[in-house]
Amino acid sequence: MNDVTKVLLIASLSLGLLAGCAQPNPHPMDMTAAIQNAKTATDHKALAEHYEEAAKAAEAKVDEHKKTLEQYKQHSYLYGKSAETFEEHCEALINSYEKVAKANQEMAKMHRQMAAMAK
């Protein structure tokens, strides 16, 4: 593999990873209003479903970053001194998304319980 090919490979991988780091709004609905107005079982079920979807999205990001981390580890020779920094960045993202998934699962559970009590 010549130097130009290596540079192009590294650049394309870096751009792909940067795009993967962009975080969309995890709560597209007006959560403040939805929570304040939740009074019925249906309202709380809708919130629970929203939090479950957010948890699934975060879990997908965990899986994505675990795969990326493995790529960095398998091909660390391509990144030189930056390889360790890239790996640490992926590990931090994995940890962060795992916390987000857990928090959303807990919120979903609480709203499911509130829905059951609202019946």
N, C-alpha and C. Protein backbone atom coordinates (compact mmCIF):
# COMPACT_ATOMS: atom_id res chain seq x y z
N MET A 1 0.86 -1.17 0.00
CA MET A 1 0.00 0.00 0.00
C MET A 1 0.91 1.24 0.00
N ASN A 2 0.70 2.13 -0.97
CA ASN A 2 1.57 3.30 -1.04
C ASN A 2 1.09 4.39 -0.07
N ASP A 3 1.89 5.43 0.10
CA ASP A 3 1.59 6.49 1.07
C ASP A 3 0.30 7.23 0.76
N VAL A 4 0.04 7.47 -0.51
CA VAL A 4 -1.19 8.19 -0.90
C VAL A 4 -2.41 7.35 -0.54
N THR A 5 -2.36 6.08 -0.78
CA THR A 5 -3.48 5.19 -0.45
C THR A 5 -3.70 5.16 1.06
N LYS A 6 -2.61 5.11 1.83
CA LYS A 6 -2.73 5.12 3.29
C LYS A 6 -3.38 6.41 3.77
N VAL A 7 -2.96 7.54 3.23
CA VAL A 7 -3.52 8.82 3.63
C VAL A 7 -5.00 8.89 3.29
N LEU A 8 -5.36 8.43 2.10
CA LEU A 8 -6.77 8.43 1.69
C LEU A 8 -7.60 7.50 2.58
N LEU A 9 -7.06 6.35 2.93
CA LEU A 9 -7.76 5.41 3.79
C LEU A 9 -7.98 6.02 5.17
N ILE A 10 -6.95 6.60 5.73
CA ILE A 10 -7.06 7.22 7.05
C ILE A 10 -8.05 8.38 7.01
N ALA A 11 -7.99 9.21 5.97
CA ALA A 11 -8.90 10.35 5.86
C ALA A 11 -10.35 9.88 5.75
N SER A 12 -10.59 8.86 4.94
CA SER A 12 -11.98 8.39 4.78
C SER A 12 -12.49 7.74 6.06
N LEU A 13 -11.65 6.97 6.76
CA LEU A 13 -12.06 6.39 8.03
C LEU A 13 -12.34 7.46 9.06
N SER A 14 -11.50 8.48 9.10
CA SER A 14 -11.68 9.57 10.06
C SER A 14 -12.98 10.32 9.81
N LEU A 15 -13.27 10.60 8.55
CA LEU A 15 -14.51 11.31 8.22
C LEU A 15 -15.73 10.47 8.60
N GLY A 16 -15.65 9.20 8.34
CA GLY A 16 -16.75 8.30 8.69
C GLY A 16 -16.98 8.26 10.19
N LEU A 17 -15.90 8.24 10.94
CA LEU A 17 -16.02 8.21 12.40
C LEU A 17 -16.54 9.53 12.95
N LEU A 18 -16.10 10.62 12.36
CA LEU A 18 -16.61 11.92 12.81
C LEU A 18 -18.11 12.02 12.56
N ALA A 19 -18.56 11.52 11.44
CA ALA A 19 -19.99 11.54 11.15
C ALA A 19 -20.74 10.67 12.15
N GLY A 20 -20.14 9.57 12.56
CA GLY A 20 -20.76 8.70 13.54
C GLY A 20 -20.83 9.29 14.92
N CYS A 21 -19.99 10.26 15.21
CA CYS A 21 -19.98 10.89 16.52
C CYS A 21 -21.06 11.97 16.66
N ALA A 22 -21.61 12.42 15.55
CA ALA A 22 -22.65 13.44 15.61
C ALA A 22 -23.85 12.86 16.34
N GLN A 23 -24.36 13.61 17.30
CA GLN A 23 -25.47 13.12 18.10
C GLN A 23 -26.76 13.84 17.72
N PRO A 24 -27.73 13.08 17.20
CA PRO A 24 -29.02 13.70 16.92
C PRO A 24 -29.74 13.99 18.22
N ASN A 25 -30.77 14.78 18.16
CA ASN A 25 -31.56 15.08 19.34
C ASN A 25 -32.22 13.79 19.83
N PRO A 26 -31.85 13.30 21.03
CA PRO A 26 -32.40 12.04 21.50
C PRO A 26 -33.86 12.16 21.95
N HIS A 27 -34.34 13.38 22.12
CA HIS A 27 -35.72 13.61 22.55
C HIS A 27 -36.39 14.59 21.60
N PRO A 28 -36.84 14.11 20.43
CA PRO A 28 -37.40 15.01 19.44
C PRO A 28 -38.71 15.67 19.88
N MET A 29 -39.44 15.06 20.82
CA MET A 29 -40.66 15.70 21.29
C MET A 29 -40.33 16.70 22.37
N ASP A 30 -41.24 17.59 22.66
CA ASP A 30 -41.04 18.54 23.76
C ASP A 30 -41.22 17.78 25.06
N MET A 31 -40.12 17.29 25.60
CA MET A 31 -40.18 16.42 26.77
C MET A 31 -40.74 17.14 27.99
N THR A 32 -40.40 18.39 28.16
CA THR A 32 -40.90 19.13 29.32
C THR A 32 -42.42 19.16 29.31
N ALA A 33 -42.99 19.53 28.18
CA ALA A 33 -44.45 19.59 28.08
C ALA A 33 -45.06 18.20 28.19
N ALA A 34 -44.46 17.21 27.56
CA ALA A 34 -45.01 15.84 27.60
C ALA A 34 -45.04 15.31 29.03
N ILE A 35 -43.98 15.57 29.77
CA ILE A 35 -43.91 15.09 31.16
C ILE A 35 -44.90 15.86 32.04
N GLN A 36 -44.95 17.18 31.87
CA GLN A 36 -45.86 18.00 32.69
C GLN A 36 -47.32 17.65 32.42
N ASN A 37 -47.64 17.29 31.18
CA ASN A 37 -49.03 17.02 30.81
C ASN A 37 -49.43 15.56 30.94
N ALA A 38 -48.50 14.69 31.31
CA ALA A 38 -48.81 13.26 31.42
C ALA A 38 -49.68 13.01 32.65
N LYS A 39 -50.93 12.60 32.39
CA LYS A 39 -51.85 12.33 33.48
C LYS A 39 -52.53 10.97 33.35
N THR A 40 -52.65 10.49 32.14
CA THR A 40 -53.35 9.24 31.91
C THR A 40 -52.37 8.09 31.68
N ALA A 41 -52.90 6.88 31.74
CA ALA A 41 -52.07 5.70 31.46
C ALA A 41 -51.51 5.78 30.05
N THR A 42 -52.32 6.26 29.11
CA THR A 42 -51.88 6.39 27.71
C THR A 42 -50.70 7.36 27.60
N ASP A 43 -50.79 8.48 28.34
CA ASP A 43 -49.70 9.46 28.32
C ASP A 43 -48.39 8.83 28.82
N HIS A 44 -48.48 8.10 29.92
CA HIS A 44 -47.28 7.50 30.50
C HIS A 44 -46.75 6.35 29.63
N LYS A 45 -47.64 5.62 28.98
CA LYS A 45 -47.20 4.58 28.06
C LYS A 45 -46.44 5.19 26.88
N ALA A 46 -46.95 6.32 26.39
CA ALA A 46 -46.27 7.00 25.28
C ALA A 46 -44.88 7.46 25.70
N LEU A 47 -44.77 7.99 26.91
CA LEU A 47 -43.45 8.40 27.40
C LEU A 47 -42.54 7.18 27.58
N ALA A 48 -43.08 6.11 28.10
CA ALA A 48 -42.28 4.88 28.28
C ALA A 48 -41.76 4.40 26.93
N GLU A 49 -42.62 4.40 25.92
CA GLU A 49 -42.20 3.97 24.59
C GLU A 49 -41.12 4.88 24.02
N HIS A 50 -41.28 6.17 24.28
CA HIS A 50 -40.26 7.13 23.82
C HIS A 50 -38.91 6.82 24.46
N TYR A 51 -38.91 6.60 25.78
CA TYR A 51 -37.65 6.31 26.48
C TYR A 51 -37.08 4.96 26.03
N GLU A 52 -37.94 3.99 25.75
CA GLU A 52 -37.45 2.70 25.27
C GLU A 52 -36.78 2.85 23.90
N GLU A 53 -37.36 3.66 23.04
CA GLU A 53 -36.74 3.92 21.73
C GLU A 53 -35.40 4.63 21.88
N ALA A 54 -35.35 5.60 22.80
CA ALA A 54 -34.09 6.31 23.05
C ALA A 54 -33.03 5.35 23.58
N ALA A 55 -33.45 4.41 24.43
CA ALA A 55 -32.51 3.41 24.96
C ALA A 55 -32.00 2.52 23.83
N LYS A 56 -32.88 2.10 22.94
CA LYS A 56 -32.47 1.26 21.81
C LYS A 56 -31.49 2.00 20.91
N ALA A 57 -31.75 3.29 20.69
CA ALA A 57 -30.84 4.08 19.85
C ALA A 57 -29.46 4.18 20.51
N ALA A 58 -29.43 4.37 21.82
CA ALA A 58 -28.15 4.45 22.53
C ALA A 58 -27.44 3.11 22.49
N GLU A 59 -28.18 2.02 22.63
CA GLU A 59 -27.58 0.68 22.56
C GLU A 59 -27.00 0.42 21.17
N ALA A 60 -27.65 0.93 20.14
CA ALA A 60 -27.12 0.78 18.78
C ALA A 60 -25.80 1.55 18.65
N LYS A 61 -25.73 2.71 19.28
CA LYS A 61 -24.48 3.49 19.26
C LYS A 61 -23.37 2.75 20.01
N VAL A 62 -23.73 2.09 21.10
CA VAL A 62 -22.74 1.30 21.84
C VAL A 62 -22.16 0.24 20.91
N ASP A 63 -23.04 -0.49 20.24
CA ASP A 63 -22.58 -1.54 19.32
C ASP A 63 -21.70 -0.96 18.21
N GLU A 64 -22.14 0.17 17.67
CA GLU A 64 -21.38 0.82 16.58
C GLU A 64 -19.98 1.20 17.04
N HIS A 65 -19.89 1.80 18.23
CA HIS A 65 -18.58 2.24 18.71
C HIS A 65 -17.71 1.07 19.16
N LYS A 66 -18.32 -0.02 19.58
CA LYS A 66 -17.53 -1.22 19.90
C LYS A 66 -16.88 -1.77 18.63
N LYS A 67 -17.62 -1.76 17.53
CA LYS A 67 -17.06 -2.21 16.26
C LYS A 67 -15.94 -1.28 15.80
N THR A 68 -16.16 0.01 15.98
CA THR A 68 -15.14 0.99 15.60
C THR A 68 -13.88 0.80 16.44
N LEU A 69 -14.06 0.56 17.73
CA LEU A 69 -12.93 0.34 18.62
C LEU A 69 -12.13 -0.88 18.16
N GLU A 70 -12.81 -1.93 17.79
CA GLU A 70 -12.11 -3.12 17.31
C GLU A 70 -11.31 -2.81 16.04
N GLN A 71 -11.88 -1.99 15.16
CA GLN A 71 -11.15 -1.60 13.95
C GLN A 71 -9.88 -0.83 14.31
N TYR A 72 -10.00 0.09 15.26
CA TYR A 72 -8.81 0.83 15.70
C TYR A 72 -7.76 -0.11 16.28
N LYS A 73 -8.20 -1.07 17.07
CA LYS A 73 -7.25 -2.00 17.68
C LYS A 73 -6.60 -2.90 16.64
N GLN A 74 -7.41 -3.38 15.69
CA GLN A 74 -6.86 -4.28 14.67
C GLN A 74 -5.93 -3.57 13.69
N HIS A 75 -6.17 -2.28 13.47
CA HIS A 75 -5.39 -1.54 12.49
C HIS A 75 -4.68 -0.34 13.12
N SER A 76 -4.25 -0.50 14.34
CA SER A 76 -3.60 0.62 15.04
C SER A 76 -2.36 1.12 14.32
N TYR A 77 -1.72 0.25 13.57
CA TYR A 77 -0.52 0.65 12.82
C TYR A 77 -0.82 1.75 11.80
N LEU A 78 -2.08 1.87 11.39
CA LEU A 78 -2.44 2.92 10.42
C LEU A 78 -2.49 4.31 11.05
N TYR A 79 -2.67 4.36 12.37
CA TYR A 79 -2.93 5.63 13.04
C TYR A 79 -1.73 6.17 13.82
N GLY A 80 -0.68 5.40 13.87
CA GLY A 80 0.53 5.86 14.54
C GLY A 80 0.27 6.21 16.00
N LYS A 81 0.79 7.35 16.42
CA LYS A 81 0.65 7.78 17.81
C LYS A 81 -0.79 8.11 18.18
N SER A 82 -1.63 8.37 17.21
CA SER A 82 -3.03 8.73 17.47
C SER A 82 -3.89 7.52 17.80
N ALA A 83 -3.42 6.33 17.56
CA ALA A 83 -4.23 5.12 17.75
C ALA A 83 -4.77 5.03 19.18
N GLU A 84 -3.93 5.28 20.14
CA GLU A 84 -4.36 5.19 21.54
C GLU A 84 -5.42 6.24 21.86
N THR A 85 -5.27 7.44 21.31
CA THR A 85 -6.25 8.50 21.52
C THR A 85 -7.59 8.11 20.91
N PHE A 86 -7.57 7.55 19.69
CA PHE A 86 -8.80 7.10 19.04
C PHE A 86 -9.48 6.02 19.87
N GLU A 87 -8.70 5.08 20.39
CA GLU A 87 -9.25 4.00 21.19
C GLU A 87 -9.88 4.54 22.47
N GLU A 88 -9.20 5.47 23.12
CA GLU A 88 -9.74 6.08 24.34
C GLU A 88 -11.04 6.84 24.05
N HIS A 89 -11.07 7.52 22.92
CA HIS A 89 -12.27 8.26 22.52
C HIS A 89 -13.44 7.29 22.34
N CYS A 90 -13.21 6.18 21.66
CA CYS A 90 -14.27 5.18 21.46
C CYS A 90 -14.74 4.60 22.80
N GLU A 91 -13.79 4.30 23.67
CA GLU A 91 -14.15 3.75 24.98
C GLU A 91 -14.99 4.74 25.78
N ALA A 92 -14.65 6.02 25.69
CA ALA A 92 -15.44 7.05 26.38
C ALA A 92 -16.85 7.14 25.80
N LEU A 93 -16.96 7.06 24.48
CA LEU A 93 -18.28 7.10 23.85
C LEU A 93 -19.11 5.87 24.23
N ILE A 94 -18.48 4.71 24.25
CA ILE A 94 -19.17 3.48 24.66
C ILE A 94 -19.71 3.64 26.07
N ASN A 95 -18.88 4.10 26.97
CA ASN A 95 -19.28 4.31 28.36
C ASN A 95 -20.43 5.30 28.45
N SER A 96 -20.33 6.39 27.72
CA SER A 96 -21.36 7.42 27.74
C SER A 96 -22.69 6.89 27.23
N TYR A 97 -22.67 6.21 26.09
CA TYR A 97 -23.91 5.67 25.52
C TYR A 97 -24.50 4.57 26.39
N GLU A 98 -23.66 3.80 27.08
CA GLU A 98 -24.19 2.79 28.00
C GLU A 98 -24.95 3.46 29.14
N LYS A 99 -24.43 4.57 29.64
CA LYS A 99 -25.12 5.31 30.71
C LYS A 99 -26.44 5.89 30.19
N VAL A 100 -26.43 6.41 28.97
CA VAL A 100 -27.64 6.97 28.38
C VAL A 100 -28.69 5.88 28.22
N ALA A 101 -28.29 4.72 27.73
CA ALA A 101 -29.23 3.60 27.55
C ALA A 101 -29.84 3.20 28.89
N LYS A 102 -29.00 3.08 29.91
CA LYS A 102 -29.49 2.67 31.23
C LYS A 102 -30.45 3.71 31.80
N ALA A 103 -30.12 4.99 31.68
CA ALA A 103 -30.98 6.05 32.20
C ALA A 103 -32.34 6.04 31.49
N ASN A 104 -32.33 5.85 30.18
CA ASN A 104 -33.58 5.81 29.43
C ASN A 104 -34.41 4.57 29.79
N GLN A 105 -33.76 3.45 30.01
CA GLN A 105 -34.47 2.24 30.43
C GLN A 105 -35.14 2.46 31.79
N GLU A 106 -34.43 3.13 32.69
CA GLU A 106 -34.99 3.41 34.01
C GLU A 106 -36.19 4.35 33.91
N MET A 107 -36.09 5.36 33.05
CA MET A 107 -37.21 6.28 32.86
C MET A 107 -38.41 5.54 32.26
N ALA A 108 -38.17 4.67 31.31
CA ALA A 108 -39.25 3.89 30.70
C ALA A 108 -39.93 3.03 31.77
N LYS A 109 -39.14 2.40 32.61
CA LYS A 109 -39.69 1.56 33.67
C LYS A 109 -40.58 2.37 34.61
N MET A 110 -40.11 3.55 34.99
CA MET A 110 -40.90 4.39 35.90
C MET A 110 -42.22 4.81 35.25
N HIS A 111 -42.18 5.17 33.97
CA HIS A 111 -43.42 5.58 33.30
C HIS A 111 -44.35 4.39 33.09
N ARG A 112 -43.82 3.20 32.90
CA ARG A 112 -44.67 2.01 32.82
C ARG A 112 -45.38 1.80 34.16
N GLN A 113 -44.65 1.99 35.26
CA GLN A 113 -45.26 1.85 36.59
C GLN A 113 -46.33 2.92 36.81
N MET A 114 -46.05 4.14 36.37
CA MET A 114 -47.03 5.22 36.52
C MET A 114 -48.26 4.94 35.67
N ALA A 115 -48.08 4.36 34.50
CA ALA A 115 -49.21 4.01 33.63
C ALA A 115 -50.08 2.96 34.33
N ALA A 116 -49.45 2.01 34.98
CA ALA A 116 -50.19 0.95 35.67
C ALA A 116 -51.00 1.53 36.84
N MET A 117 -50.44 2.52 37.52
CA MET A 117 -51.15 3.14 38.65
C MET A 117 -52.26 4.08 38.19
N ALA A 118 -52.14 4.61 36.97
CA ALA A 118 -53.11 5.58 36.46
C ALA A 118 -54.39 4.90 35.97
N LYS A 119 -54.41 3.59 35.87
CA LYS A 119 -55.59 2.87 35.34
C LYS A 119 -56.75 2.94 36.28
